[in-house]
Structure formats: structure tokens, C-alpha cells
Amino acid sequence: MIRVSSTAKPAAPEVIIVGASARAAAFSALRSGITPICIDRFGDADLLRVARVTRIDDYPAGIAAALGQLGERPALYVGGVENNASLVRQLASRGPLFGNSVDVL
């Protein structure tokens, strides 16, 4: 007979965090029990220790290509992304968007 443990934790929800520096938002997500998947300009060492990070040298143009490597997940944008309407629109088309829509911006 096979028993399934009832103490197994469900996987933490994931969110894609995109911005010049996703670090602060990623640590906030972790404190909330959310797994951050980050796309940012710097790839700080402490962020690399706690999250999956794609560092973008060609910021912000490289963000679109990095998003193509990720599945559809909720997204949150920070620091500077609000200045790029097409990028915000792309984020919103991939799943729930935590932040103002293009219409609001």
C-alpha cells in the first residue's frame, strides 16, 4: 500500500518581477510566501542566492526576450518599467498583472 503524506506543503505561488532592480520586491515576495522569478539589470549577489534571476545587460530592450523564456505567470513590474507601455502591455498579456495597466499609465 502506498501512503501519501498529508503534511506535504503545496508549492508556493510564483510571480515574475521585472525592473531595473527587482531586489526589494523579490525579498518582499519571499516574506509573503511567494517565489520570485526576477528579470533585472543588476543580478545582485544576495538576490541570486534566493531567487531565479535573469540579468539583462540590454535594459530594458532585453526584457522581452527574457520573458519569452518563462511561462505564463503573474507579473509585477518595478523601477522604470512603467515608462515602457509596450512592455507593460506584454506583461499584462501573459497573465495577471500586479500594477497599473497601460490605460492607467
PDB file of N, CA and C in Angstrom:
ATOM      1  N   MET A   1       0.838  -1.169   0.000  1.00  0.00           N
ATOM      2  CA  MET A   1       0.000   0.000   0.000  1.00  0.00           C
ATOM      3  C   MET A   1       0.891   1.243   0.000  1.00  0.00           C
ATOM      4  N   ILE A   2       0.516   2.226  -0.795  1.00  0.00           N
ATOM      5  CA  ILE A   2       1.258   3.484  -0.862  1.00  0.00           C
ATOM      6  C   ILE A   2       0.480   4.535  -0.103  1.00  0.00           C
ATOM      7  N   ARG A   3       1.169   5.225   0.770  1.00  0.00           N
ATOM      8  CA  ARG A   3       0.533   6.313   1.516  1.00  0.00           C
ATOM      9  C   ARG A   3       1.051   7.651   1.004  1.00  0.00           C
ATOM     10  N   VAL A   4       0.160   8.576   0.918  1.00  0.00           N
ATOM     11  CA  VAL A   4       0.519   9.931   0.513  1.00  0.00           C
ATOM     12  C   VAL A   4       0.505  10.782   1.762  1.00  0.00           C
ATOM     13  N   SER A   5       1.582  11.499   1.990  1.00  0.00           N
ATOM     14  CA  SER A   5       1.682  12.332   3.180  1.00  0.00           C
ATOM     15  C   SER A   5       0.712  13.503   3.104  1.00  0.00           C
ATOM     16  N   SER A   6       0.000  13.717   4.165  1.00  0.00           N
ATOM     17  CA  SER A   6      -0.908  14.864   4.209  1.00  0.00           C
ATOM     18  C   SER A   6      -0.202  16.113   4.726  1.00  0.00           C
ATOM     19  N   THR A   7       1.075  15.978   5.063  1.00  0.00           N
ATOM     20  CA  THR A   7       1.820  17.129   5.576  1.00  0.00           C
ATOM     21  C   THR A   7       2.605  17.848   4.480  1.00  0.00           C
ATOM     22  N   ALA A   8       2.525  17.330   3.268  1.00  0.00           N
ATOM     23  CA  ALA A   8       3.248  17.966   2.168  1.00  0.00           C
ATOM     24  C   ALA A   8       2.686  19.362   1.916  1.00  0.00           C
ATOM     25  N   LYS A   9       3.590  20.307   1.798  1.00  0.00           N
ATOM     26  CA  LYS A   9       3.182  21.684   1.531  1.00  0.00           C
ATOM     27  C   LYS A   9       2.914  21.877   0.042  1.00  0.00           C
ATOM     28  N   PRO A  10       1.878  22.621  -0.289  1.00  0.00           N
ATOM     29  CA  PRO A  10       1.679  22.940  -1.702  1.00  0.00           C
ATOM     30  C   PRO A  10       2.800  23.875  -2.167  1.00  0.00           C
ATOM     31  N   ALA A  11       3.084  23.819  -3.446  1.00  0.00           N
ATOM     32  CA  ALA A  11       4.127  24.688  -3.993  1.00  0.00           C
ATOM     33  C   ALA A  11       3.736  26.152  -3.791  1.00  0.00           C
ATOM     34  N   ALA A  12       4.733  26.966  -3.475  1.00  0.00           N
ATOM     35  CA  ALA A  12       4.480  28.399  -3.296  1.00  0.00           C
ATOM     36  C   ALA A  12       4.103  29.015  -4.634  1.00  0.00           C
ATOM     37  N   PRO A  13       3.180  29.959  -4.628  1.00  0.00           N
ATOM     38  CA  PRO A  13       2.861  30.649  -5.885  1.00  0.00           C
ATOM     39  C   PRO A  13       4.091  31.409  -6.386  1.00  0.00           C
ATOM     40  N   GLU A  14       4.170  31.584  -7.688  1.00  0.00           N
ATOM     41  CA  GLU A  14       5.302  32.287  -8.293  1.00  0.00           C
ATOM     42  C   GLU A  14       4.837  33.595  -8.913  1.00  0.00           C
ATOM     43  N   VAL A  15       5.747  34.555  -8.951  1.00  0.00           N
ATOM     44  CA  VAL A  15       5.484  35.818  -9.628  1.00  0.00           C
ATOM     45  C   VAL A  15       6.761  36.249 -10.350  1.00  0.00           C
ATOM     46  N   ILE A  16       6.589  36.727 -11.570  1.00  0.00           N
ATOM     47  CA  ILE A  16       7.710  37.293 -12.319  1.00  0.00           C
ATOM     48  C   ILE A  16       7.826  38.751 -11.898  1.00  0.00           C
ATOM     49  N   ILE A  17       9.007  39.144 -11.466  1.00  0.00           N
ATOM     50  CA  ILE A  17       9.252  40.526 -11.072  1.00  0.00           C
ATOM     51  C   ILE A  17      10.246  41.122 -12.064  1.00  0.00           C
ATOM     52  N   VAL A  18       9.833  42.203 -12.712  1.00  0.00           N
ATOM     53  CA  VAL A  18      10.615  42.802 -13.784  1.00  0.00           C
ATOM     54  C   VAL A  18      10.921  44.253 -13.446  1.00  0.00           C
ATOM     55  N   GLY A  19      12.184  44.650 -13.590  1.00  0.00           N
ATOM     56  CA  GLY A  19      12.537  46.047 -13.377  1.00  0.00           C
ATOM     57  C   GLY A  19      14.029  46.263 -13.394  1.00  0.00           C
ATOM     58  N   ALA A  20      14.424  47.520 -13.281  1.00  0.00           N
ATOM     59  CA  ALA A  20      15.846  47.829 -13.229  1.00  0.00           C
ATOM     60  C   ALA A  20      16.494  47.103 -12.059  1.00  0.00           C
ATOM     61  N   SER A  21      15.807  47.056 -10.936  1.00  0.00           N
ATOM     62  CA  SER A  21      16.258  46.295  -9.772  1.00  0.00           C
ATOM     63  C   SER A  21      15.046  45.633  -9.128  1.00  0.00           C
ATOM     64  N   ALA A  22      14.972  44.326  -9.245  1.00  0.00           N
ATOM     65  CA  ALA A  22      13.850  43.557  -8.695  1.00  0.00           C
ATOM     66  C   ALA A  22      14.099  43.148  -7.249  1.00  0.00           C
ATOM     67  N   ARG A  23      15.243  43.488  -6.712  1.00  0.00           N
ATOM     68  CA  ARG A  23      15.697  43.004  -5.409  1.00  0.00           C
ATOM     69  C   ARG A  23      14.716  43.259  -4.274  1.00  0.00           C
ATOM     70  N   ALA A  24      14.305  44.483  -4.047  1.00  0.00           N
ATOM     71  CA  ALA A  24      13.426  44.809  -2.917  1.00  0.00           C
ATOM     72  C   ALA A  24      12.086  44.088  -3.041  1.00  0.00           C
ATOM     73  N   ALA A  25      11.510  44.087  -4.232  1.00  0.00           N
ATOM     74  CA  ALA A  25      10.225  43.417  -4.439  1.00  0.00           C
ATOM     75  C   ALA A  25      10.368  41.909  -4.253  1.00  0.00           C
ATOM     76  N   ALA A  26      11.494  41.341  -4.660  1.00  0.00           N
ATOM     77  CA  ALA A  26      11.711  39.904  -4.510  1.00  0.00           C
ATOM     78  C   ALA A  26      11.767  39.502  -3.041  1.00  0.00           C
ATOM     79  N   PHE A  27      12.460  40.280  -2.228  1.00  0.00           N
ATOM     80  CA  PHE A  27      12.537  39.959  -0.804  1.00  0.00           C
ATOM     81  C   PHE A  27      11.182  40.145  -0.127  1.00  0.00           C
ATOM     82  N   SER A  28      10.418  41.102  -0.578  1.00  0.00           N
ATOM     83  CA  SER A  28       9.066  41.283  -0.056  1.00  0.00           C
ATOM     84  C   SER A  28       8.190  40.087  -0.432  1.00  0.00           C
ATOM     85  N   ALA A  29       8.304  39.624  -1.664  1.00  0.00           N
ATOM     86  CA  ALA A  29       7.545  38.450  -2.110  1.00  0.00           C
ATOM     87  C   ALA A  29       7.899  37.232  -1.261  1.00  0.00           C
ATOM     88  N   LEU A  30       9.172  37.031  -1.016  1.00  0.00           N
ATOM     89  CA  LEU A  30       9.605  35.896  -0.198  1.00  0.00           C
ATOM     90  C   LEU A  30       8.981  35.947   1.195  1.00  0.00           C
ATOM     91  N   ARG A  31       8.958  37.128   1.798  1.00  0.00           N
ATOM     92  CA  ARG A  31       8.350  37.265   3.132  1.00  0.00           C
ATOM     93  C   ARG A  31       6.859  36.952   3.101  1.00  0.00           C
ATOM     94  N   SER A  32       6.242  37.078   1.933  1.00  0.00           N
ATOM     95  CA  SER A  32       4.814  36.799   1.779  1.00  0.00           C
ATOM     96  C   SER A  32       4.539  35.358   1.361  1.00  0.00           C
ATOM     97  N   GLY A  33       5.587  34.556   1.229  1.00  0.00           N
ATOM     98  CA  GLY A  33       5.411  33.169   0.828  1.00  0.00           C
ATOM     99  C   GLY A  33       5.287  32.974  -0.669  1.00  0.00           C
ATOM    100  N   ILE A  34       5.720  33.949  -1.441  1.00  0.00           N
ATOM    101  CA  ILE A  34       5.657  33.895  -2.902  1.00  0.00           C
ATOM    102  C   ILE A  34       7.065  33.704  -3.451  1.00  0.00           C
ATOM    103  N   THR A  35       7.204  32.857  -4.446  1.00  0.00           N
ATOM    104  CA  THR A  35       8.503  32.604  -5.062  1.00  0.00           C
ATOM    105  C   THR A  35       8.743  33.604  -6.190  1.00  0.00           C
ATOM    106  N   PRO A  36       9.764  34.460  -6.049  1.00  0.00           N
ATOM    107  CA  PRO A  36      10.048  35.430  -7.111  1.00  0.00           C
ATOM    108  C   PRO A  36      10.901  34.830  -8.224  1.00  0.00           C
ATOM    109  N   ILE A  37      10.554  35.178  -9.442  1.00  0.00           N
ATOM    110  CA  ILE A  37      11.363  34.874 -10.617  1.00  0.00           C
ATOM    111  C   ILE A  37      11.685  36.241 -11.209  1.00  0.00           C
ATOM    112  N   CYS A  38      12.941  36.624 -11.164  1.00  0.00           N
ATOM    113  CA  CYS A  38      13.304  38.020 -11.431  1.00  0.00           C
ATOM    114  C   CYS A  38      14.006  38.219 -12.766  1.00  0.00           C
ATOM    115  N   ILE A  39      13.666  39.328 -13.384  1.00  0.00           N
ATOM    116  CA  ILE A  39      14.371  39.819 -14.563  1.00  0.00           C
ATOM    117  C   ILE A  39      14.799  41.234 -14.199  1.00  0.00           C
ATOM    118  N   ASP A  40      16.119  41.441 -14.074  1.00  0.00           N
ATOM    119  CA  ASP A  40      16.573  42.783 -13.705  1.00  0.00           C
ATOM    120  C   ASP A  40      17.935  43.104 -14.284  1.00  0.00           C
ATOM    121  N   ARG A  41      18.342  44.308 -14.081  1.00  0.00           N
ATOM    122  CA  ARG A  41      19.560  44.852 -14.685  1.00  0.00           C
ATOM    123  C   ARG A  41      20.830  44.424 -13.965  1.00  0.00           C
ATOM    124  N   PHE A  42      20.744  44.166 -12.653  1.00  0.00           N
ATOM    125  CA  PHE A  42      21.961  44.017 -11.871  1.00  0.00           C
ATOM    126  C   PHE A  42      22.276  42.593 -11.406  1.00  0.00           C
ATOM    127  N   GLY A  43      21.293  41.796 -11.070  1.00  0.00           N
ATOM    128  CA  GLY A  43      21.562  40.444 -10.588  1.00  0.00           C
ATOM    129  C   GLY A  43      22.416  40.451  -9.336  1.00  0.00           C
ATOM    130  N   ASP A  44      22.000  41.241  -8.345  1.00  0.00           N
ATOM    131  CA  ASP A  44      22.766  41.344  -7.091  1.00  0.00           C
ATOM    132  C   ASP A  44      23.005  39.980  -6.460  1.00  0.00           C
ATOM    133  N   ALA A  45      24.158  39.824  -5.811  1.00  0.00           N
ATOM    134  CA  ALA A  45      24.551  38.543  -5.227  1.00  0.00           C
ATOM    135  C   ALA A  45      23.527  38.018  -4.229  1.00  0.00           C
ATOM    136  N   ASP A  46      22.982  38.889  -3.381  1.00  0.00           N
ATOM    137  CA  ASP A  46      22.012  38.398  -2.399  1.00  0.00           C
ATOM    138  C   ASP A  46      20.716  37.953  -3.072  1.00  0.00           C
ATOM    139  N   LEU A  47      20.338  38.593  -4.154  1.00  0.00           N
ATOM    140  CA  LEU A  47      19.149  38.180  -4.900  1.00  0.00           C
ATOM    141  C   LEU A  47      19.382  36.820  -5.561  1.00  0.00           C
ATOM    142  N   LEU A  48      20.563  36.613  -6.118  1.00  0.00           N
ATOM    143  CA  LEU A  48      20.894  35.350  -6.768  1.00  0.00           C
ATOM    144  C   LEU A  48      20.823  34.173  -5.804  1.00  0.00           C
ATOM    145  N   ARG A  49      21.064  34.427  -4.521  1.00  0.00           N
ATOM    146  CA  ARG A  49      21.011  33.353  -3.523  1.00  0.00           C
ATOM    147  C   ARG A  49      19.585  32.903  -3.204  1.00  0.00           C
ATOM    148  N   VAL A  50      18.588  33.748  -3.467  1.00  0.00           N
ATOM    149  CA  VAL A  50      17.226  33.425  -3.023  1.00  0.00           C
ATOM    150  C   VAL A  50      16.194  33.321  -4.154  1.00  0.00           C
ATOM    151  N   ALA A  51      16.587  33.645  -5.378  1.00  0.00           N
ATOM    152  CA  ALA A  51      15.599  33.667  -6.461  1.00  0.00           C
ATOM    153  C   ALA A  51      16.243  33.244  -7.778  1.00  0.00           C
ATOM    154  N   ARG A  52      15.403  32.823  -8.678  1.00  0.00           N
ATOM    155  CA  ARG A  52      15.816  32.594 -10.058  1.00  0.00           C
ATOM    156  C   ARG A  52      15.893  33.966 -10.715  1.00  0.00           C
ATOM    157  N   VAL A  53      17.055  34.304 -11.277  1.00  0.00           N
ATOM    158  CA  VAL A  53      17.284  35.656 -11.790  1.00  0.00           C
ATOM    159  C   VAL A  53      17.843  35.602 -13.208  1.00  0.00           C
ATOM    160  N   THR A  54      17.262  36.410 -14.077  1.00  0.00           N
ATOM    161  CA  THR A  54      17.827  36.647 -15.399  1.00  0.00           C
ATOM    162  C   THR A  54      18.331  38.076 -15.398  1.00  0.00           C
ATOM    163  N   ARG A  55      19.631  38.231 -15.545  1.00  0.00           N
ATOM    164  CA  ARG A  55      20.239  39.568 -15.578  1.00  0.00           C
ATOM    165  C   ARG A  55      20.210  40.074 -17.021  1.00  0.00           C
ATOM    166  N   ILE A  56      19.739  41.308 -17.183  1.00  0.00           N
ATOM    167  CA  ILE A  56      19.588  41.910 -18.503  1.00  0.00           C
ATOM    168  C   ILE A  56      20.651  42.994 -18.695  1.00  0.00           C
ATOM    169  N   ASP A  57      21.583  42.761 -19.610  1.00  0.00           N
ATOM    170  CA  ASP A  57      22.571  43.791 -19.919  1.00  0.00           C
ATOM    171  C   ASP A  57      21.959  44.883 -20.785  1.00  0.00           C
ATOM    172  N   ASP A  58      21.113  44.483 -21.718  1.00  0.00           N
ATOM    173  CA  ASP A  58      20.477  45.422 -22.635  1.00  0.00           C
ATOM    174  C   ASP A  58      19.116  45.817 -22.057  1.00  0.00           C
ATOM    175  N   TYR A  59      19.159  46.642 -21.012  1.00  0.00           N
ATOM    176  CA  TYR A  59      17.938  47.030 -20.305  1.00  0.00           C
ATOM    177  C   TYR A  59      17.384  48.305 -20.912  1.00  0.00           C
ATOM    178  N   PRO A  60      16.125  48.414 -21.175  1.00  0.00           N
ATOM    179  CA  PRO A  60      15.055  47.446 -20.969  1.00  0.00           C
ATOM    180  C   PRO A  60      14.765  46.561 -22.179  1.00  0.00           C
ATOM    181  N   ALA A  61      15.480  46.787 -23.292  1.00  0.00           N
ATOM    182  CA  ALA A  61      15.170  46.050 -24.523  1.00  0.00           C
ATOM    183  C   ALA A  61      15.260  44.531 -24.345  1.00  0.00           C
ATOM    184  N   GLY A  62      16.158  44.051 -23.516  1.00  0.00           N
ATOM    185  CA  GLY A  62      16.346  42.615 -23.327  1.00  0.00           C
ATOM    186  C   GLY A  62      15.266  41.934 -22.508  1.00  0.00           C
ATOM    187  N   ILE A  63      14.397  42.701 -21.892  1.00  0.00           N
ATOM    188  CA  ILE A  63      13.359  42.114 -21.042  1.00  0.00           C
ATOM    189  C   ILE A  63      12.405  41.247 -21.853  1.00  0.00           C
ATOM    190  N   ALA A  64      11.999  41.701 -23.018  1.00  0.00           N
ATOM    191  CA  ALA A  64      11.043  40.950 -23.838  1.00  0.00           C
ATOM    192  C   ALA A  64      11.569  39.554 -24.155  1.00  0.00           C
ATOM    193  N   ALA A  65      12.832  39.444 -24.521  1.00  0.00           N
ATOM    194  CA  ALA A  65      13.419  38.138 -24.823  1.00  0.00           C
ATOM    195  C   ALA A  65      13.471  37.254 -23.577  1.00  0.00           C
ATOM    196  N   ALA A  66      13.796  37.845 -22.445  1.00  0.00           N
ATOM    197  CA  ALA A  66      13.845  37.080 -21.197  1.00  0.00           C
ATOM    198  C   ALA A  66      12.462  36.563 -20.824  1.00  0.00           C
ATOM    199  N   LEU A  67      11.434  37.370 -21.049  1.00  0.00           N
ATOM    200  CA  LEU A  67      10.067  36.920 -20.770  1.00  0.00           C
ATOM    201  C   LEU A  67       9.694  35.718 -21.622  1.00  0.00           C
ATOM    202  N   GLY A  68      10.221  35.674 -22.836  1.00  0.00           N
ATOM    203  CA  GLY A  68       9.931  34.557 -23.724  1.00  0.00           C
ATOM    204  C   GLY A  68      10.438  33.227 -23.201  1.00  0.00           C
ATOM    205  N   GLN A  69      11.382  33.260 -22.262  1.00  0.00           N
ATOM    206  CA  GLN A  69      11.931  32.039 -21.666  1.00  0.00           C
ATOM    207  C   GLN A  69      11.082  31.530 -20.501  1.00  0.00           C
ATOM    208  N   LEU A  70      10.105  32.325 -20.081  1.00  0.00           N
ATOM    209  CA  LEU A  70       9.285  31.982 -18.914  1.00  0.00           C
ATOM    210  C   LEU A  70       7.870  31.665 -19.349  1.00  0.00           C
ATOM    211  N   GLY A  71       7.230  30.801 -18.638  1.00  0.00           N
ATOM    212  CA  GLY A  71       5.835  30.502 -18.924  1.00  0.00           C
ATOM    213  C   GLY A  71       4.935  31.622 -18.444  1.00  0.00           C
ATOM    214  N   GLU A  72       3.667  31.444 -18.672  1.00  0.00           N
ATOM    215  CA  GLU A  72       2.702  32.445 -18.217  1.00  0.00           C
ATOM    216  C   GLU A  72       2.569  32.358 -16.703  1.00  0.00           C
ATOM    217  N   ARG A  73       2.813  33.476 -16.051  1.00  0.00           N
ATOM    218  CA  ARG A  73       2.710  33.601 -14.604  1.00  0.00           C
ATOM    219  C   ARG A  73       2.271  35.024 -14.297  1.00  0.00           C
ATOM    220  N   PRO A  74       1.762  35.249 -13.095  1.00  0.00           N
ATOM    221  CA  PRO A  74       1.501  36.637 -12.705  1.00  0.00           C
ATOM    222  C   PRO A  74       2.805  37.428 -12.757  1.00  0.00           C
ATOM    223  N   ALA A  75       2.693  38.719 -13.028  1.00  0.00           N
ATOM    224  CA  ALA A  75       3.881  39.566 -13.127  1.00  0.00           C
ATOM    225  C   ALA A  75       3.687  40.847 -12.332  1.00  0.00           C
ATOM    226  N   LEU A  76       4.801  41.365 -11.880  1.00  0.00           N
ATOM    227  CA  LEU A  76       4.864  42.618 -11.134  1.00  0.00           C
ATOM    228  C   LEU A  76       6.007  43.418 -11.738  1.00  0.00           C
ATOM    229  N   TYR A  77       5.753  44.670 -12.059  1.00  0.00           N
ATOM    230  CA  TYR A  77       6.842  45.495 -12.582  1.00  0.00           C
ATOM    231  C   TYR A  77       7.253  46.529 -11.541  1.00  0.00           C
ATOM    232  N   VAL A  78       8.534  46.859 -11.573  1.00  0.00           N
ATOM    233  CA  VAL A  78       9.098  47.838 -10.647  1.00  0.00           C
ATOM    234  C   VAL A  78      10.075  48.719 -11.409  1.00  0.00           C
ATOM    235  N   GLY A  79      10.493  49.773 -10.778  1.00  0.00           N
ATOM    236  CA  GLY A  79      11.557  50.654 -11.208  1.00  0.00           C
ATOM    237  C   GLY A  79      11.829  50.847 -12.677  1.00  0.00           C
ATOM    238  N   GLY A  80      11.120  51.740 -13.309  1.00  0.00           N
ATOM    239  CA  GLY A  80      11.408  52.141 -14.667  1.00  0.00           C
ATOM    240  C   GLY A  80      10.552  51.477 -15.733  1.00  0.00           C
ATOM    241  N   VAL A  81      10.014  50.315 -15.455  1.00  0.00           N
ATOM    242  CA  VAL A  81       9.221  49.605 -16.458  1.00  0.00           C
ATOM    243  C   VAL A  81       7.955  50.386 -16.808  1.00  0.00           C
ATOM    244  N   GLU A  82       7.439  51.159 -15.864  1.00  0.00           N
ATOM    245  CA  GLU A  82       6.213  51.927 -16.128  1.00  0.00           C
ATOM    246  C   GLU A  82       6.398  52.945 -17.253  1.00  0.00           C
ATOM    247  N   ASN A  83       7.633  53.221 -17.623  1.00  0.00           N
ATOM    248  CA  ASN A  83       7.912  54.156 -18.709  1.00  0.00           C
ATOM    249  C   ASN A  83       7.877  53.500 -20.086  1.00  0.00           C
ATOM    250  N   ASN A  84       7.610  52.196 -20.117  1.00  0.00           N
ATOM    251  CA  ASN A  84       7.614  51.459 -21.372  1.00  0.00           C
ATOM    252  C   ASN A  84       6.258  50.776 -21.549  1.00  0.00           C
ATOM    253  N   ALA A  85       5.323  51.462 -22.190  1.00  0.00           N
ATOM    254  CA  ALA A  85       3.953  50.968 -22.338  1.00  0.00           C
ATOM    255  C   ALA A  85       3.894  49.624 -23.052  1.00  0.00           C
ATOM    256  N   SER A  86       4.702  49.424 -24.080  1.00  0.00           N
ATOM    257  CA  SER A  86       4.642  48.152 -24.809  1.00  0.00           C
ATOM    258  C   SER A  86       5.081  46.990 -23.923  1.00  0.00           C
ATOM    259  N   LEU A  87       6.033  47.227 -23.047  1.00  0.00           N
ATOM    260  CA  LEU A  87       6.476  46.177 -22.130  1.00  0.00           C
ATOM    261  C   LEU A  87       5.400  45.873 -21.083  1.00  0.00           C
ATOM    262  N   VAL A  88       4.754  46.896 -20.553  1.00  0.00           N
ATOM    263  CA  VAL A  88       3.660  46.690 -19.595  1.00  0.00           C
ATOM    264  C   VAL A  88       2.528  45.933 -20.272  1.00  0.00           C
ATOM    265  N   ARG A  89       2.241  46.267 -21.513  1.00  0.00           N
ATOM    266  CA  ARG A  89       1.198  45.563 -22.270  1.00  0.00           C
ATOM    267  C   ARG A  89       1.573  44.088 -22.449  1.00  0.00           C
ATOM    268  N   GLN A  90       2.836  43.828 -22.743  1.00  0.00           N
ATOM    269  CA  GLN A  90       3.300  42.448 -22.906  1.00  0.00           C
ATOM    270  C   GLN A  90       3.166  41.675 -21.585  1.00  0.00           C
ATOM    271  N   LEU A  91       3.541  42.288 -20.486  1.00  0.00           N
ATOM    272  CA  LEU A  91       3.397  41.639 -19.178  1.00  0.00           C
ATOM    273  C   LEU A  91       1.935  41.296 -18.910  1.00  0.00           C
ATOM    274  N   ALA A  92       1.039  42.229 -19.189  1.00  0.00           N
ATOM    275  CA  ALA A  92      -0.386  42.029 -18.931  1.00  0.00           C
ATOM    276  C   ALA A  92      -0.975  40.928 -19.821  1.00  0.00           C
ATOM    277  N   SER A  93      -0.408  40.720 -20.980  1.00  0.00           N
ATOM    278  CA  SER A  93      -0.938  39.709 -21.899  1.00  0.00           C
ATOM    279  C   SER A  93      -0.556  38.292 -21.490  1.00  0.00           C
ATOM    280  N   ARG A  94       0.376  38.155 -20.558  1.00  0.00           N
ATOM    281  CA  ARG A  94       0.900  36.843 -20.164  1.00  0.00           C
ATOM    282  C   ARG A  94       0.241  36.276 -18.917  1.00  0.00           C
ATOM    283  N   GLY A  95      -0.605  37.051 -18.270  1.00  0.00           N
ATOM    284  CA  GLY A  95      -1.244  36.597 -17.034  1.00  0.00           C
ATOM    285  C   GLY A  95      -1.603  37.796 -16.188  1.00  0.00           C
ATOM    286  N   PRO A  96      -2.034  37.557 -14.953  1.00  0.00           N
ATOM    287  CA  PRO A  96      -2.397  38.683 -14.086  1.00  0.00           C
ATOM    288  C   PRO A  96      -1.226  39.660 -13.916  1.00  0.00           C
ATOM    289  N   LEU A  97      -1.534  40.935 -13.924  1.00  0.00           N
ATOM    290  CA  LEU A  97      -0.525  41.981 -13.766  1.00  0.00           C
ATOM    291  C   LEU A  97      -0.752  42.681 -12.437  1.00  0.00           C
ATOM    292  N   PHE A  98       0.257  42.681 -11.592  1.00  0.00           N
ATOM    293  CA  PHE A  98       0.195  43.405 -10.322  1.00  0.00           C
ATOM    294  C   PHE A  98       0.822  44.774 -10.557  1.00  0.00           C
ATOM    295  N   GLY A  99      -0.018  45.761 -10.767  1.00  0.00           N
ATOM    296  CA  GLY A  99       0.433  47.112 -11.060  1.00  0.00           C
ATOM    297  C   GLY A  99      -0.585  47.782 -11.967  1.00  0.00           C
ATOM    298  N   ASN A 100      -0.341  49.018 -12.248  1.00  0.00           N
ATOM    299  CA  ASN A 100      -1.263  49.767 -13.106  1.00  0.00           C
ATOM    300  C   ASN A 100      -1.220  49.262 -14.545  1.00  0.00           C
ATOM    301  N   SER A 101      -2.374  49.245 -15.177  1.00  0.00           N
ATOM    302  CA  SER A 101      -2.451  48.849 -16.580  1.00  0.00           C
ATOM    303  C   SER A 101      -1.896  49.966 -17.465  1.00  0.00           C
ATOM    304  N   VAL A 102      -1.735  49.647 -18.741  1.00  0.00           N
ATOM    305  CA  VAL A 102      -1.267  50.649 -19.699  1.00  0.00           C
ATOM    306  C   VAL A 102      -2.226  51.828 -19.749  1.00  0.00           C
ATOM    307  N   ASP A 103      -3.532  51.566 -19.686  1.00  0.00           N
ATOM    308  CA  ASP A 103      -4.519  52.642 -19.730  1.00  0.00           C
ATOM    309  C   ASP A 103      -4.332  53.624 -18.579  1.00  0.00           C
ATOM    310  N   VAL A 104      -4.007  53.126 -17.417  1.00  0.00           N
ATOM    311  CA  VAL A 104      -3.799  53.987 -16.250  1.00  0.00           C
ATOM    312  C   VAL A 104      -2.492  54.757 -16.393  1.00  0.00           C
ATOM    313  N   LEU A 105      -1.465  54.078 -16.861  1.00  0.00           N
ATOM    314  CA  LEU A 105      -0.170  54.748 -17.021  1.00  0.00           C
ATOM    315  C   LEU A 105      -0.265  55.839 -18.050  1.00  0.00           C
TER     316      LEU A 105
END
